[in-house]
Amino acid sequence: MNLLGSPLDRPAYAKIELGKRNIKVTDLVALQQVYNVDFAEFFKGIKPHE
């Protein structure tokens, strides 16, 4: 992640998974490149607020 310009460390990643921290757009872009998936994959099953 650091090589992609995202200094996301394990504790920060854990907070995101637990819902205690929001993910930054730059981190999301880096994860998209690491996993080589479409951005839509990160949002599957999430319903928009009404």
PDB file of N, CA and C in Angstrom:
ATOM      1  N   MET A   1       0.828  -1.177   0.000  1.00  0.00           N
ATOM      2  CA  MET A   1       0.000   0.000   0.000  1.00  0.00           C
ATOM      3  C   MET A   1       0.882   1.254   0.000  1.00  0.00           C
ATOM      4  N   ASN A   2       1.968   1.211   0.740  1.00  0.00           N
ATOM      5  CA  ASN A   2       2.853   2.373   0.770  1.00  0.00           C
ATOM      6  C   ASN A   2       3.408   2.688  -0.608  1.00  0.00           C
ATOM      7  N   LEU A   3       3.701   1.667  -1.380  1.00  0.00           N
ATOM      8  CA  LEU A   3       4.231   1.886  -2.722  1.00  0.00           C
ATOM      9  C   LEU A   3       3.213   2.549  -3.639  1.00  0.00           C
ATOM     10  N   LEU A   4       1.949   2.436  -3.301  1.00  0.00           N
ATOM     11  CA  LEU A   4       0.886   3.046  -4.099  1.00  0.00           C
ATOM     12  C   LEU A   4       0.476   4.411  -3.546  1.00  0.00           C
ATOM     13  N   GLY A   5       1.219   4.921  -2.575  1.00  0.00           N
ATOM     14  CA  GLY A   5       0.943   6.238  -2.017  1.00  0.00           C
ATOM     15  C   GLY A   5      -0.077   6.243  -0.900  1.00  0.00           C
ATOM     16  N   SER A   6      -0.336   5.082  -0.327  1.00  0.00           N
ATOM     17  CA  SER A   6      -1.316   4.984   0.749  1.00  0.00           C
ATOM     18  C   SER A   6      -0.641   4.434   2.000  1.00  0.00           C
ATOM     19  N   PRO A   7      -0.462   5.276   3.013  1.00  0.00           N
ATOM     20  CA  PRO A   7       0.196   4.816   4.236  1.00  0.00           C
ATOM     21  C   PRO A   7      -0.758   4.101   5.199  1.00  0.00           C
ATOM     22  N   LEU A   8      -1.620   3.270   4.665  1.00  0.00           N
ATOM     23  CA  LEU A   8      -2.605   2.550   5.476  1.00  0.00           C
ATOM     24  C   LEU A   8      -1.906   1.400   6.204  1.00  0.00           C
ATOM     25  N   ASP A   9      -1.868   1.486   7.536  1.00  0.00           N
ATOM     26  CA  ASP A   9      -1.224   0.432   8.313  1.00  0.00           C
ATOM     27  C   ASP A   9      -2.273  -0.529   8.879  1.00  0.00           C
ATOM     28  N   ARG A  10      -1.814  -1.586   9.506  1.00  0.00           N
ATOM     29  CA  ARG A  10      -2.730  -2.620  10.015  1.00  0.00           C
ATOM     30  C   ARG A  10      -3.752  -2.090  11.019  1.00  0.00           C
ATOM     31  N   PRO A  11      -3.327  -1.282  11.997  1.00  0.00           N
ATOM     32  CA  PRO A  11      -4.330  -0.767  12.941  1.00  0.00           C
ATOM     33  C   PRO A  11      -5.410   0.084  12.258  1.00  0.00           C
ATOM     34  N   ALA A  12      -5.019   0.889  11.289  1.00  0.00           N
ATOM     35  CA  ALA A  12      -5.998   1.711  10.572  1.00  0.00           C
ATOM     36  C   ALA A  12      -6.936   0.831   9.756  1.00  0.00           C
ATOM     37  N   TYR A  13      -6.382  -0.192   9.110  1.00  0.00           N
ATOM     38  CA  TYR A  13      -7.193  -1.123   8.320  1.00  0.00           C
ATOM     39  C   TYR A  13      -8.195  -1.842   9.227  1.00  0.00           C
ATOM     40  N   ALA A  14      -7.756  -2.231  10.414  1.00  0.00           N
ATOM     41  CA  ALA A  14      -8.645  -2.910  11.363  1.00  0.00           C
ATOM     42  C   ALA A  14      -9.784  -1.989  11.791  1.00  0.00           C
ATOM     43  N   LYS A  15      -9.484  -0.710  12.014  1.00  0.00           N
ATOM     44  CA  LYS A  15     -10.527   0.244  12.392  1.00  0.00           C
ATOM     45  C   LYS A  15     -11.559   0.407  11.279  1.00  0.00           C
ATOM     46  N   ILE A  16     -11.104   0.380  10.040  1.00  0.00           N
ATOM     47  CA  ILE A  16     -12.031   0.470   8.908  1.00  0.00           C
ATOM     48  C   ILE A  16     -12.938  -0.753   8.894  1.00  0.00           C
ATOM     49  N   GLU A  17     -12.354  -1.930   9.072  1.00  0.00           N
ATOM     50  CA  GLU A  17     -13.148  -3.164   9.076  1.00  0.00           C
ATOM     51  C   GLU A  17     -14.165  -3.186  10.210  1.00  0.00           C
ATOM     52  N   LEU A  18     -13.830  -2.585  11.345  1.00  0.00           N
ATOM     53  CA  LEU A  18     -14.723  -2.560  12.501  1.00  0.00           C
ATOM     54  C   LEU A  18     -15.729  -1.411  12.447  1.00  0.00           C
ATOM     55  N   GLY A  19     -15.611  -0.566  11.435  1.00  0.00           N
ATOM     56  CA  GLY A  19     -16.520   0.564  11.309  1.00  0.00           C
ATOM     57  C   GLY A  19     -16.184   1.726  12.223  1.00  0.00           C
ATOM     58  N   LYS A  20     -14.959   1.746  12.734  1.00  0.00           N
ATOM     59  CA  LYS A  20     -14.541   2.815  13.640  1.00  0.00           C
ATOM     60  C   LYS A  20     -13.826   3.946  12.908  1.00  0.00           C
ATOM     61  N   ARG A  21     -13.569   3.751  11.633  1.00  0.00           N
ATOM     62  CA  ARG A  21     -12.872   4.755  10.826  1.00  0.00           C
ATOM     63  C   ARG A  21     -13.388   4.643   9.403  1.00  0.00           C
ATOM     64  N   ASN A  22     -13.546   5.781   8.752  1.00  0.00           N
ATOM     65  CA  ASN A  22     -13.922   5.773   7.342  1.00  0.00           C
ATOM     66  C   ASN A  22     -12.676   5.623   6.491  1.00  0.00           C
ATOM     67  N   ILE A  23     -12.840   5.030   5.330  1.00  0.00           N
ATOM     68  CA  ILE A  23     -11.713   4.857   4.428  1.00  0.00           C
ATOM     69  C   ILE A  23     -11.544   6.110   3.581  1.00  0.00           C
ATOM     70  N   LYS A  24     -10.314   6.486   3.351  1.00  0.00           N
ATOM     71  CA  LYS A  24     -10.018   7.631   2.493  1.00  0.00           C
ATOM     72  C   LYS A  24     -10.096   7.176   1.042  1.00  0.00           C
ATOM     73  N   VAL A  25     -10.408   8.105   0.174  1.00  0.00           N
ATOM     74  CA  VAL A  25     -10.503   7.781  -1.252  1.00  0.00           C
ATOM     75  C   VAL A  25      -9.169   7.255  -1.763  1.00  0.00           C
ATOM     76  N   THR A  26      -8.071   7.840  -1.333  1.00  0.00           N
ATOM     77  CA  THR A  26      -6.756   7.385  -1.788  1.00  0.00           C
ATOM     78  C   THR A  26      -6.482   5.944  -1.364  1.00  0.00           C
ATOM     79  N   ASP A  27      -6.959   5.567  -0.173  1.00  0.00           N
ATOM     80  CA  ASP A  27      -6.798   4.189   0.289  1.00  0.00           C
ATOM     81  C   ASP A  27      -7.665   3.241  -0.532  1.00  0.00           C
ATOM     82  N   LEU A  28      -8.868   3.683  -0.869  1.00  0.00           N
ATOM     83  CA  LEU A  28      -9.766   2.860  -1.676  1.00  0.00           C
ATOM     84  C   LEU A  28      -9.179   2.626  -3.064  1.00  0.00           C
ATOM     85  N   VAL A  29      -8.589   3.661  -3.636  1.00  0.00           N
ATOM     86  CA  VAL A  29      -7.951   3.527  -4.951  1.00  0.00           C
ATOM     87  C   VAL A  29      -6.787   2.546  -4.869  1.00  0.00           C
ATOM     88  N   ALA A  30      -5.988   2.638  -3.818  1.00  0.00           N
ATOM     89  CA  ALA A  30      -4.859   1.721  -3.655  1.00  0.00           C
ATOM     90  C   ALA A  30      -5.346   0.282  -3.495  1.00  0.00           C
ATOM     91  N   LEU A  31      -6.395   0.068  -2.702  1.00  0.00           N
ATOM     92  CA  LEU A  31      -6.943  -1.286  -2.531  1.00  0.00           C
ATOM     93  C   LEU A  31      -7.498  -1.824  -3.847  1.00  0.00           C
ATOM     94  N   GLN A  32      -8.112  -0.957  -4.626  1.00  0.00           N
ATOM     95  CA  GLN A  32      -8.643  -1.374  -5.930  1.00  0.00           C
ATOM     96  C   GLN A  32      -7.505  -1.869  -6.818  1.00  0.00           C
ATOM     97  N   GLN A  33      -6.377  -1.204  -6.761  1.00  0.00           N
ATOM     98  CA  GLN A  33      -5.228  -1.616  -7.566  1.00  0.00           C
ATOM     99  C   GLN A  33      -4.613  -2.905  -7.028  1.00  0.00           C
ATOM    100  N   VAL A  34      -4.533  -3.041  -5.723  1.00  0.00           N
ATOM    101  CA  VAL A  34      -3.965  -4.245  -5.113  1.00  0.00           C
ATOM    102  C   VAL A  34      -4.796  -5.469  -5.463  1.00  0.00           C
ATOM    103  N   TYR A  35      -6.124  -5.355  -5.312  1.00  0.00           N
ATOM    104  CA  TYR A  35      -7.013  -6.495  -5.548  1.00  0.00           C
ATOM    105  C   TYR A  35      -7.439  -6.637  -7.004  1.00  0.00           C
ATOM    106  N   ASN A  36      -7.141  -5.614  -7.814  1.00  0.00           N
ATOM    107  CA  ASN A  36      -7.455  -5.642  -9.245  1.00  0.00           C
ATOM    108  C   ASN A  36      -8.931  -5.964  -9.499  1.00  0.00           C
ATOM    109  N   VAL A  37      -9.799  -5.215  -8.824  1.00  0.00           N
ATOM    110  CA  VAL A  37     -11.241  -5.384  -8.979  1.00  0.00           C
ATOM    111  C   VAL A  37     -11.869  -4.042  -9.328  1.00  0.00           C
ATOM    112  N   ASP A  38     -13.101  -4.095  -9.813  1.00  0.00           N
ATOM    113  CA  ASP A  38     -13.854  -2.888 -10.091  1.00  0.00           C
ATOM    114  C   ASP A  38     -14.267  -2.249  -8.762  1.00  0.00           C
ATOM    115  N   PHE A  39     -14.373  -0.938  -8.736  1.00  0.00           N
ATOM    116  CA  PHE A  39     -14.769  -0.250  -7.508  1.00  0.00           C
ATOM    117  C   PHE A  39     -16.122  -0.733  -6.997  1.00  0.00           C
ATOM    118  N   ALA A  40     -16.990  -1.160  -7.876  1.00  0.00           N
ATOM    119  CA  ALA A  40     -18.321  -1.635  -7.479  1.00  0.00           C
ATOM    120  C   ALA A  40     -18.230  -2.816  -6.516  1.00  0.00           C
ATOM    121  N   GLU A  41     -17.165  -3.594  -6.584  1.00  0.00           N
ATOM    122  CA  GLU A  41     -16.993  -4.742  -5.692  1.00  0.00           C
ATOM    123  C   GLU A  41     -16.953  -4.321  -4.223  1.00  0.00           C
ATOM    124  N   PHE A  42     -16.433  -3.131  -3.955  1.00  0.00           N
ATOM    125  CA  PHE A  42     -16.337  -2.656  -2.579  1.00  0.00           C
ATOM    126  C   PHE A  42     -17.695  -2.255  -2.008  1.00  0.00           C
ATOM    127  N   PHE A  43     -18.665  -2.047  -2.887  1.00  0.00           N
ATOM    128  CA  PHE A  43     -19.960  -1.529  -2.447  1.00  0.00           C
ATOM    129  C   PHE A  43     -21.102  -2.524  -2.605  1.00  0.00           C
ATOM    130  N   LYS A  44     -20.778  -3.766  -2.935  1.00  0.00           N
ATOM    131  CA  LYS A  44     -21.820  -4.788  -3.066  1.00  0.00           C
ATOM    132  C   LYS A  44     -22.553  -4.959  -1.744  1.00  0.00           C
ATOM    133  N   GLY A  45     -23.864  -4.997  -1.817  1.00  0.00           N
ATOM    134  CA  GLY A  45     -24.672  -5.232  -0.635  1.00  0.00           C
ATOM    135  C   GLY A  45     -24.929  -4.003   0.219  1.00  0.00           C
ATOM    136  N   ILE A  46     -24.367  -2.876  -0.170  1.00  0.00           N
ATOM    137  CA  ILE A  46     -24.594  -1.646   0.592  1.00  0.00           C
ATOM    138  C   ILE A  46     -25.750  -0.896  -0.044  1.00  0.00           C
ATOM    139  N   LYS A  47     -26.747  -0.609   0.771  1.00  0.00           N
ATOM    140  CA  LYS A  47     -27.907   0.121   0.270  1.00  0.00           C
ATOM    141  C   LYS A  47     -27.728   1.611   0.566  1.00  0.00           C
ATOM    142  N   PRO A  48     -28.115   2.458  -0.383  1.00  0.00           N
ATOM    143  CA  PRO A  48     -27.996   3.904  -0.143  1.00  0.00           C
ATOM    144  C   PRO A  48     -28.978   4.372   0.922  1.00  0.00           C
ATOM    145  N   HIS A  49     -28.606   5.418   1.619  1.00  0.00           N
ATOM    146  CA  HIS A  49     -29.496   6.007   2.627  1.00  0.00           C
ATOM    147  C   HIS A  49     -30.631   6.722   1.918  1.00  0.00           C
ATOM    148  N   GLU A  50     -31.802   6.638   2.483  1.00  0.00           N
ATOM    149  CA  GLU A  50     -32.955   7.321   1.881  1.00  0.00           C
ATOM    150  C   GLU A  50     -33.362   8.499   2.716  1.00  0.00           C
TER     151      GLU A  50
END
